[in-house]
Amino acid sequence: MKVIVDTCIWSAALRRTGFNDNNDIVNELKELIREGRVQMIGPVRQELLSGIKTIKQFDKLRTVLSSFPNLIIQTQDYEKAADFYNKSRRKGVQGSNTDFLICAIAVNNLMSVFTIDNDFKLFKEHIPIKLHIPRL
């Protein structure tokens, strides 16, 4: 099963010493990459590239991320994201448009989401997302 890797996972891996870290999250990301299971989406790529301080750092990260082509986001993904947002909001659970778009893309494409953002655990109570559980 392919896995959409949330921005927070990428950030955790990239802000440390990189892929040499002995961190469980980083190790799981490395394994998913080795297995060819990582799926990139445009909004995550944009979040990762936003706020980069220098052109050199931006170009370096863009080059690293270019190894992961974007899944094309369909109209039904945006519609399902809005539906998930509305359903969750009615239950008192709030989240960002990007988070709900990640959930919708994952559901529509039978993928799981790899994240350390606790909001996704709340979303899971109201919408049918699958969260990727790291292997220890």
N, C-alpha and C. Protein backbone atom coordinates (compact mmCIF):
# COMPACT_ATOMS: atom_id res chain seq x y z
N MET A 1 0.84 -1.18 0.00
CA MET A 1 0.00 0.00 0.00
C MET A 1 0.89 1.25 0.00
N LYS A 2 0.57 2.19 -0.87
CA LYS A 2 1.28 3.48 -0.90
C LYS A 2 0.91 4.28 0.34
N VAL A 3 1.79 5.21 0.69
CA VAL A 3 1.62 6.00 1.91
C VAL A 3 1.86 7.47 1.59
N ILE A 4 0.90 8.31 1.94
CA ILE A 4 1.13 9.75 1.84
C ILE A 4 1.86 10.18 3.10
N VAL A 5 3.03 10.73 2.92
CA VAL A 5 3.86 11.16 4.05
C VAL A 5 3.55 12.64 4.31
N ASP A 6 3.07 12.92 5.50
CA ASP A 6 2.69 14.28 5.89
C ASP A 6 3.94 15.15 6.05
N THR A 7 3.73 16.43 5.92
CA THR A 7 4.80 17.42 6.02
C THR A 7 5.60 17.28 7.31
N CYS A 8 4.93 17.00 8.41
CA CYS A 8 5.63 16.93 9.70
C CYS A 8 6.66 15.79 9.74
N ILE A 9 6.40 14.71 9.02
CA ILE A 9 7.36 13.60 8.96
C ILE A 9 8.58 14.02 8.16
N TRP A 10 8.33 14.59 6.97
CA TRP A 10 9.44 15.08 6.15
C TRP A 10 10.28 16.09 6.94
N SER A 11 9.60 17.01 7.62
CA SER A 11 10.31 18.04 8.38
C SER A 11 11.16 17.43 9.49
N ALA A 12 10.60 16.44 10.16
CA ALA A 12 11.35 15.77 11.23
C ALA A 12 12.62 15.12 10.67
N ALA A 13 12.51 14.53 9.49
CA ALA A 13 13.66 13.87 8.88
C ALA A 13 14.67 14.88 8.35
N LEU A 14 14.19 15.93 7.75
CA LEU A 14 15.08 16.89 7.09
C LEU A 14 15.75 17.87 8.04
N ARG A 15 15.14 18.16 9.16
CA ARG A 15 15.73 19.16 10.05
C ARG A 15 16.80 18.58 10.96
N ARG A 16 16.84 17.30 11.06
CA ARG A 16 17.87 16.66 11.88
C ARG A 16 19.11 16.45 11.04
N THR A 17 19.93 15.51 11.42
CA THR A 17 21.15 15.26 10.67
C THR A 17 20.85 14.51 9.37
N GLY A 18 19.59 14.44 9.03
CA GLY A 18 19.21 13.79 7.78
C GLY A 18 18.88 12.34 7.99
N PHE A 19 19.08 11.55 6.96
CA PHE A 19 18.70 10.16 6.99
C PHE A 19 19.70 9.27 7.71
N ASN A 20 20.68 9.84 8.39
CA ASN A 20 21.61 9.04 9.18
C ASN A 20 21.16 8.94 10.64
N ASP A 21 20.11 9.64 10.95
CA ASP A 21 19.60 9.68 12.31
C ASP A 21 19.06 8.31 12.73
N ASN A 22 19.18 7.97 14.00
CA ASN A 22 18.64 6.71 14.50
C ASN A 22 17.25 6.90 15.09
N ASN A 23 16.49 7.78 14.55
CA ASN A 23 15.15 8.09 15.00
C ASN A 23 14.16 7.12 14.35
N ASP A 24 13.20 6.60 15.12
CA ASP A 24 12.22 5.64 14.59
C ASP A 24 11.42 6.21 13.41
N ILE A 25 11.04 7.48 13.51
CA ILE A 25 10.26 8.10 12.45
C ILE A 25 11.10 8.19 11.17
N VAL A 26 12.33 8.65 11.32
CA VAL A 26 13.23 8.77 10.17
C VAL A 26 13.51 7.39 9.57
N ASN A 27 13.74 6.41 10.43
CA ASN A 27 14.00 5.06 9.94
C ASN A 27 12.80 4.50 9.17
N GLU A 28 11.60 4.78 9.66
CA GLU A 28 10.41 4.30 8.96
C GLU A 28 10.28 4.98 7.60
N LEU A 29 10.55 6.28 7.55
CA LEU A 29 10.50 6.99 6.27
C LEU A 29 11.53 6.40 5.31
N LYS A 30 12.73 6.15 5.79
CA LYS A 30 13.77 5.54 4.95
C LYS A 30 13.29 4.20 4.39
N GLU A 31 12.65 3.40 5.23
CA GLU A 31 12.18 2.08 4.80
C GLU A 31 11.07 2.22 3.76
N LEU A 32 10.15 3.14 3.97
CA LEU A 32 9.08 3.36 3.00
C LEU A 32 9.65 3.82 1.66
N ILE A 33 10.68 4.65 1.71
CA ILE A 33 11.33 5.10 0.48
C ILE A 33 11.98 3.91 -0.23
N ARG A 34 12.69 3.09 0.55
CA ARG A 34 13.33 1.89 -0.03
C ARG A 34 12.31 0.97 -0.69
N GLU A 35 11.16 0.85 -0.08
CA GLU A 35 10.10 -0.02 -0.59
C GLU A 35 9.33 0.61 -1.77
N GLY A 36 9.59 1.88 -2.06
CA GLY A 36 8.88 2.57 -3.14
C GLY A 36 7.44 2.86 -2.81
N ARG A 37 7.13 3.05 -1.54
CA ARG A 37 5.74 3.22 -1.10
C ARG A 37 5.37 4.68 -0.82
N VAL A 38 6.33 5.59 -0.86
CA VAL A 38 6.05 6.99 -0.54
C VAL A 38 5.33 7.66 -1.70
N GLN A 39 4.23 8.33 -1.38
CA GLN A 39 3.48 9.08 -2.38
C GLN A 39 3.52 10.56 -2.02
N MET A 40 3.98 11.38 -2.92
CA MET A 40 4.03 12.84 -2.72
C MET A 40 2.78 13.45 -3.32
N ILE A 41 2.31 14.52 -2.68
CA ILE A 41 1.24 15.32 -3.26
C ILE A 41 1.70 16.78 -3.25
N GLY A 42 1.17 17.55 -4.18
CA GLY A 42 1.58 18.94 -4.34
C GLY A 42 1.51 19.79 -3.09
N PRO A 43 0.41 19.72 -2.32
CA PRO A 43 0.33 20.56 -1.12
C PRO A 43 1.43 20.27 -0.10
N VAL A 44 1.85 19.02 0.04
CA VAL A 44 2.93 18.69 0.96
C VAL A 44 4.24 19.25 0.41
N ARG A 45 4.47 19.08 -0.89
CA ARG A 45 5.68 19.63 -1.52
C ARG A 45 5.74 21.14 -1.29
N GLN A 46 4.61 21.82 -1.49
CA GLN A 46 4.57 23.27 -1.30
C GLN A 46 4.89 23.65 0.14
N GLU A 47 4.30 22.94 1.09
CA GLU A 47 4.57 23.24 2.50
C GLU A 47 6.06 23.05 2.82
N LEU A 48 6.66 22.01 2.28
CA LEU A 48 8.07 21.74 2.55
C LEU A 48 8.98 22.81 1.96
N LEU A 49 8.63 23.30 0.79
CA LEU A 49 9.47 24.29 0.11
C LEU A 49 9.20 25.73 0.56
N SER A 50 8.09 25.94 1.25
CA SER A 50 7.75 27.30 1.71
C SER A 50 8.59 27.67 2.93
N GLY A 51 9.06 28.90 2.93
CA GLY A 51 9.80 29.41 4.08
C GLY A 51 11.29 29.07 4.08
N ILE A 52 11.78 28.49 3.00
CA ILE A 52 13.21 28.18 2.91
C ILE A 52 13.97 29.51 2.79
N LYS A 53 14.99 29.67 3.60
CA LYS A 53 15.65 30.97 3.72
C LYS A 53 16.55 31.35 2.55
N THR A 54 17.23 30.39 1.97
CA THR A 54 18.15 30.74 0.88
C THR A 54 17.78 30.01 -0.40
N ILE A 55 18.16 30.59 -1.51
CA ILE A 55 17.91 29.97 -2.81
C ILE A 55 18.66 28.64 -2.90
N LYS A 56 19.86 28.59 -2.36
CA LYS A 56 20.66 27.35 -2.40
C LYS A 56 19.94 26.22 -1.65
N GLN A 57 19.41 26.51 -0.44
CA GLN A 57 18.68 25.50 0.33
C GLN A 57 17.41 25.08 -0.41
N PHE A 58 16.72 26.06 -0.99
CA PHE A 58 15.49 25.79 -1.73
C PHE A 58 15.78 24.84 -2.89
N ASP A 59 16.82 25.17 -3.67
CA ASP A 59 17.17 24.34 -4.83
C ASP A 59 17.59 22.94 -4.42
N LYS A 60 18.32 22.84 -3.32
CA LYS A 60 18.76 21.53 -2.84
C LYS A 60 17.56 20.67 -2.43
N LEU A 61 16.63 21.25 -1.67
CA LEU A 61 15.45 20.51 -1.24
C LEU A 61 14.57 20.16 -2.43
N ARG A 62 14.40 21.10 -3.34
CA ARG A 62 13.59 20.83 -4.54
C ARG A 62 14.18 19.65 -5.32
N THR A 63 15.49 19.59 -5.41
CA THR A 63 16.15 18.48 -6.10
C THR A 63 15.90 17.16 -5.38
N VAL A 64 16.02 17.15 -4.06
CA VAL A 64 15.76 15.93 -3.27
C VAL A 64 14.32 15.47 -3.49
N LEU A 65 13.39 16.40 -3.42
CA LEU A 65 11.97 16.06 -3.54
C LEU A 65 11.57 15.67 -4.96
N SER A 66 12.37 16.04 -5.94
CA SER A 66 12.03 15.72 -7.34
C SER A 66 12.03 14.21 -7.59
N SER A 67 12.62 13.45 -6.69
CA SER A 67 12.60 11.99 -6.80
C SER A 67 11.21 11.41 -6.55
N PHE A 68 10.32 12.23 -6.02
CA PHE A 68 8.97 11.78 -5.66
C PHE A 68 7.95 12.54 -6.50
N PRO A 69 7.46 11.95 -7.60
CA PRO A 69 6.48 12.65 -8.43
C PRO A 69 5.16 12.84 -7.70
N ASN A 70 4.48 13.91 -8.05
CA ASN A 70 3.18 14.21 -7.43
C ASN A 70 2.09 13.31 -7.98
N LEU A 71 1.24 12.84 -7.09
CA LEU A 71 -0.01 12.21 -7.49
C LEU A 71 -0.92 13.34 -7.98
N ILE A 72 -1.59 13.13 -9.07
CA ILE A 72 -2.49 14.15 -9.60
C ILE A 72 -3.74 14.20 -8.73
N ILE A 73 -4.07 15.38 -8.27
CA ILE A 73 -5.24 15.57 -7.42
C ILE A 73 -6.45 15.79 -8.31
N GLN A 74 -7.49 15.02 -8.05
CA GLN A 74 -8.71 15.04 -8.86
C GLN A 74 -9.79 15.89 -8.20
N THR A 75 -10.79 16.26 -8.98
CA THR A 75 -11.93 17.03 -8.46
C THR A 75 -12.58 16.32 -7.28
N GLN A 76 -12.74 15.00 -7.38
CA GLN A 76 -13.40 14.26 -6.30
C GLN A 76 -12.57 14.29 -5.01
N ASP A 77 -11.27 14.52 -5.12
CA ASP A 77 -10.44 14.65 -3.91
C ASP A 77 -10.79 15.93 -3.16
N TYR A 78 -10.95 17.02 -3.90
CA TYR A 78 -11.32 18.29 -3.28
C TYR A 78 -12.73 18.22 -2.69
N GLU A 79 -13.63 17.56 -3.40
CA GLU A 79 -15.00 17.42 -2.91
C GLU A 79 -15.05 16.58 -1.64
N LYS A 80 -14.31 15.48 -1.63
CA LYS A 80 -14.28 14.63 -0.44
C LYS A 80 -13.61 15.37 0.72
N ALA A 81 -12.59 16.16 0.44
CA ALA A 81 -11.92 16.95 1.49
C ALA A 81 -12.92 17.91 2.14
N ALA A 82 -13.73 18.55 1.31
CA ALA A 82 -14.75 19.46 1.85
C ALA A 82 -15.78 18.69 2.67
N ASP A 83 -16.18 17.53 2.20
CA ASP A 83 -17.11 16.68 2.94
C ASP A 83 -16.52 16.28 4.29
N PHE A 84 -15.26 15.83 4.29
CA PHE A 84 -14.59 15.46 5.53
C PHE A 84 -14.50 16.64 6.49
N TYR A 85 -14.17 17.81 5.95
CA TYR A 85 -14.10 19.02 6.76
C TYR A 85 -15.45 19.28 7.42
N ASN A 86 -16.51 19.24 6.63
CA ASN A 86 -17.86 19.52 7.14
C ASN A 86 -18.29 18.49 8.18
N LYS A 87 -18.07 17.21 7.90
CA LYS A 87 -18.44 16.15 8.85
C LYS A 87 -17.69 16.33 10.17
N SER A 88 -16.42 16.59 10.08
CA SER A 88 -15.60 16.75 11.29
C SER A 88 -16.01 18.00 12.06
N ARG A 89 -16.25 19.06 11.35
CA ARG A 89 -16.64 20.32 11.99
C ARG A 89 -17.95 20.15 12.76
N ARG A 90 -18.90 19.38 12.16
CA ARG A 90 -20.17 19.13 12.85
C ARG A 90 -19.96 18.35 14.15
N LYS A 91 -18.88 17.59 14.21
CA LYS A 91 -18.56 16.82 15.42
C LYS A 91 -17.64 17.61 16.36
N GLY A 92 -17.36 18.86 16.02
CA GLY A 92 -16.52 19.70 16.87
C GLY A 92 -15.02 19.53 16.65
N VAL A 93 -14.65 18.86 15.57
CA VAL A 93 -13.24 18.64 15.26
C VAL A 93 -12.84 19.55 14.11
N GLN A 94 -11.79 20.33 14.33
CA GLN A 94 -11.33 21.24 13.29
C GLN A 94 -9.96 20.82 12.78
N GLY A 95 -9.71 21.18 11.54
CA GLY A 95 -8.42 20.90 10.93
C GLY A 95 -8.22 21.82 9.74
N SER A 96 -7.04 21.75 9.18
CA SER A 96 -6.72 22.62 8.04
C SER A 96 -7.27 22.00 6.75
N ASN A 97 -7.45 22.85 5.76
CA ASN A 97 -7.89 22.36 4.46
C ASN A 97 -6.88 21.36 3.89
N THR A 98 -5.60 21.64 4.09
CA THR A 98 -4.57 20.72 3.59
C THR A 98 -4.66 19.36 4.27
N ASP A 99 -4.88 19.35 5.58
CA ASP A 99 -5.00 18.07 6.28
C ASP A 99 -6.18 17.25 5.76
N PHE A 100 -7.30 17.91 5.54
CA PHE A 100 -8.46 17.18 5.02
C PHE A 100 -8.26 16.75 3.57
N LEU A 101 -7.50 17.53 2.81
CA LEU A 101 -7.18 17.12 1.44
C LEU A 101 -6.29 15.88 1.46
N ILE A 102 -5.32 15.84 2.36
CA ILE A 102 -4.48 14.64 2.52
C ILE A 102 -5.36 13.44 2.83
N CYS A 103 -6.29 13.60 3.76
CA CYS A 103 -7.20 12.50 4.12
C CYS A 103 -8.02 12.03 2.93
N ALA A 104 -8.57 12.98 2.18
CA ALA A 104 -9.42 12.63 1.04
C ALA A 104 -8.63 11.90 -0.04
N ILE A 105 -7.44 12.39 -0.35
CA ILE A 105 -6.61 11.74 -1.37
C ILE A 105 -6.27 10.32 -0.92
N ALA A 106 -5.93 10.18 0.34
CA ALA A 106 -5.59 8.85 0.87
C ALA A 106 -6.78 7.91 0.75
N VAL A 107 -7.95 8.33 1.15
CA VAL A 107 -9.15 7.49 1.08
C VAL A 107 -9.50 7.15 -0.37
N ASN A 108 -9.50 8.15 -1.23
CA ASN A 108 -9.87 7.93 -2.63
C ASN A 108 -8.90 7.02 -3.38
N ASN A 109 -7.65 6.96 -2.90
CA ASN A 109 -6.62 6.17 -3.59
C ASN A 109 -6.17 4.95 -2.79
N LEU A 110 -6.96 4.61 -1.75
CA LEU A 110 -6.67 3.44 -0.91
C LEU A 110 -5.24 3.46 -0.36
N MET A 111 -4.88 4.60 0.21
CA MET A 111 -3.56 4.80 0.81
C MET A 111 -3.71 5.08 2.29
N SER A 112 -2.61 4.97 3.00
CA SER A 112 -2.59 5.38 4.40
C SER A 112 -1.82 6.70 4.51
N VAL A 113 -1.91 7.31 5.68
CA VAL A 113 -1.23 8.57 5.96
C VAL A 113 -0.21 8.34 7.06
N PHE A 114 1.03 8.75 6.81
CA PHE A 114 2.09 8.67 7.81
C PHE A 114 2.29 10.06 8.39
N THR A 115 1.93 10.21 9.64
CA THR A 115 1.98 11.52 10.30
C THR A 115 2.25 11.36 11.78
N ILE A 116 2.76 12.40 12.38
CA ILE A 116 2.87 12.48 13.84
C ILE A 116 1.99 13.60 14.38
N ASP A 117 1.15 14.13 13.50
CA ASP A 117 0.21 15.19 13.85
C ASP A 117 -1.00 14.53 14.52
N ASN A 118 -1.21 14.81 15.79
CA ASN A 118 -2.28 14.18 16.56
C ASN A 118 -3.68 14.53 16.06
N ASP A 119 -3.81 15.60 15.27
CA ASP A 119 -5.12 15.94 14.71
C ASP A 119 -5.68 14.79 13.88
N PHE A 120 -4.80 14.05 13.21
CA PHE A 120 -5.26 12.95 12.36
C PHE A 120 -5.91 11.84 13.18
N LYS A 121 -5.48 11.68 14.43
CA LYS A 121 -6.15 10.69 15.30
C LYS A 121 -7.58 11.12 15.58
N LEU A 122 -7.78 12.42 15.75
CA LEU A 122 -9.14 12.94 15.95
C LEU A 122 -9.97 12.78 14.68
N PHE A 123 -9.37 13.07 13.53
CA PHE A 123 -10.09 12.92 12.27
C PHE A 123 -10.55 11.48 12.10
N LYS A 124 -9.68 10.54 12.46
CA LYS A 124 -9.95 9.11 12.28
C LYS A 124 -11.22 8.66 13.02
N GLU A 125 -11.58 9.37 14.05
CA GLU A 125 -12.80 9.04 14.80
C GLU A 125 -14.06 9.34 13.99
N HIS A 126 -13.94 10.19 12.95
CA HIS A 126 -15.12 10.64 12.22
C HIS A 126 -15.07 10.38 10.72
N ILE A 127 -13.89 10.12 10.20
CA ILE A 127 -13.76 9.86 8.77
C ILE A 127 -12.90 8.60 8.57
N PRO A 128 -13.10 7.90 7.45
CA PRO A 128 -12.48 6.57 7.30
C PRO A 128 -11.03 6.57 6.80
N ILE A 129 -10.15 7.29 7.49
CA ILE A 129 -8.74 7.30 7.07
C ILE A 129 -7.98 6.17 7.74
N LYS A 130 -6.92 5.73 7.07
CA LYS A 130 -6.01 4.75 7.63
C LYS A 130 -4.70 5.46 7.95
N LEU A 131 -4.24 5.31 9.17
CA LEU A 131 -2.97 5.91 9.56
C LEU A 131 -1.89 4.84 9.49
N HIS A 132 -0.76 5.22 8.92
CA HIS A 132 0.36 4.29 8.82
C HIS A 132 1.01 4.17 10.20
N ILE A 133 1.18 2.96 10.66
CA ILE A 133 1.81 2.71 11.95
C ILE A 133 3.24 2.24 11.70
N PRO A 134 4.23 3.00 12.21
CA PRO A 134 5.63 2.61 11.99
C PRO A 134 5.92 1.24 12.57
N ARG A 135 6.73 0.51 11.86
CA ARG A 135 7.19 -0.80 12.33
C ARG A 135 8.40 -0.58 13.23
N LEU A 136 8.39 -1.17 14.38
CA LEU A 136 9.51 -0.96 15.31
C LEU A 136 10.46 -2.12 15.32
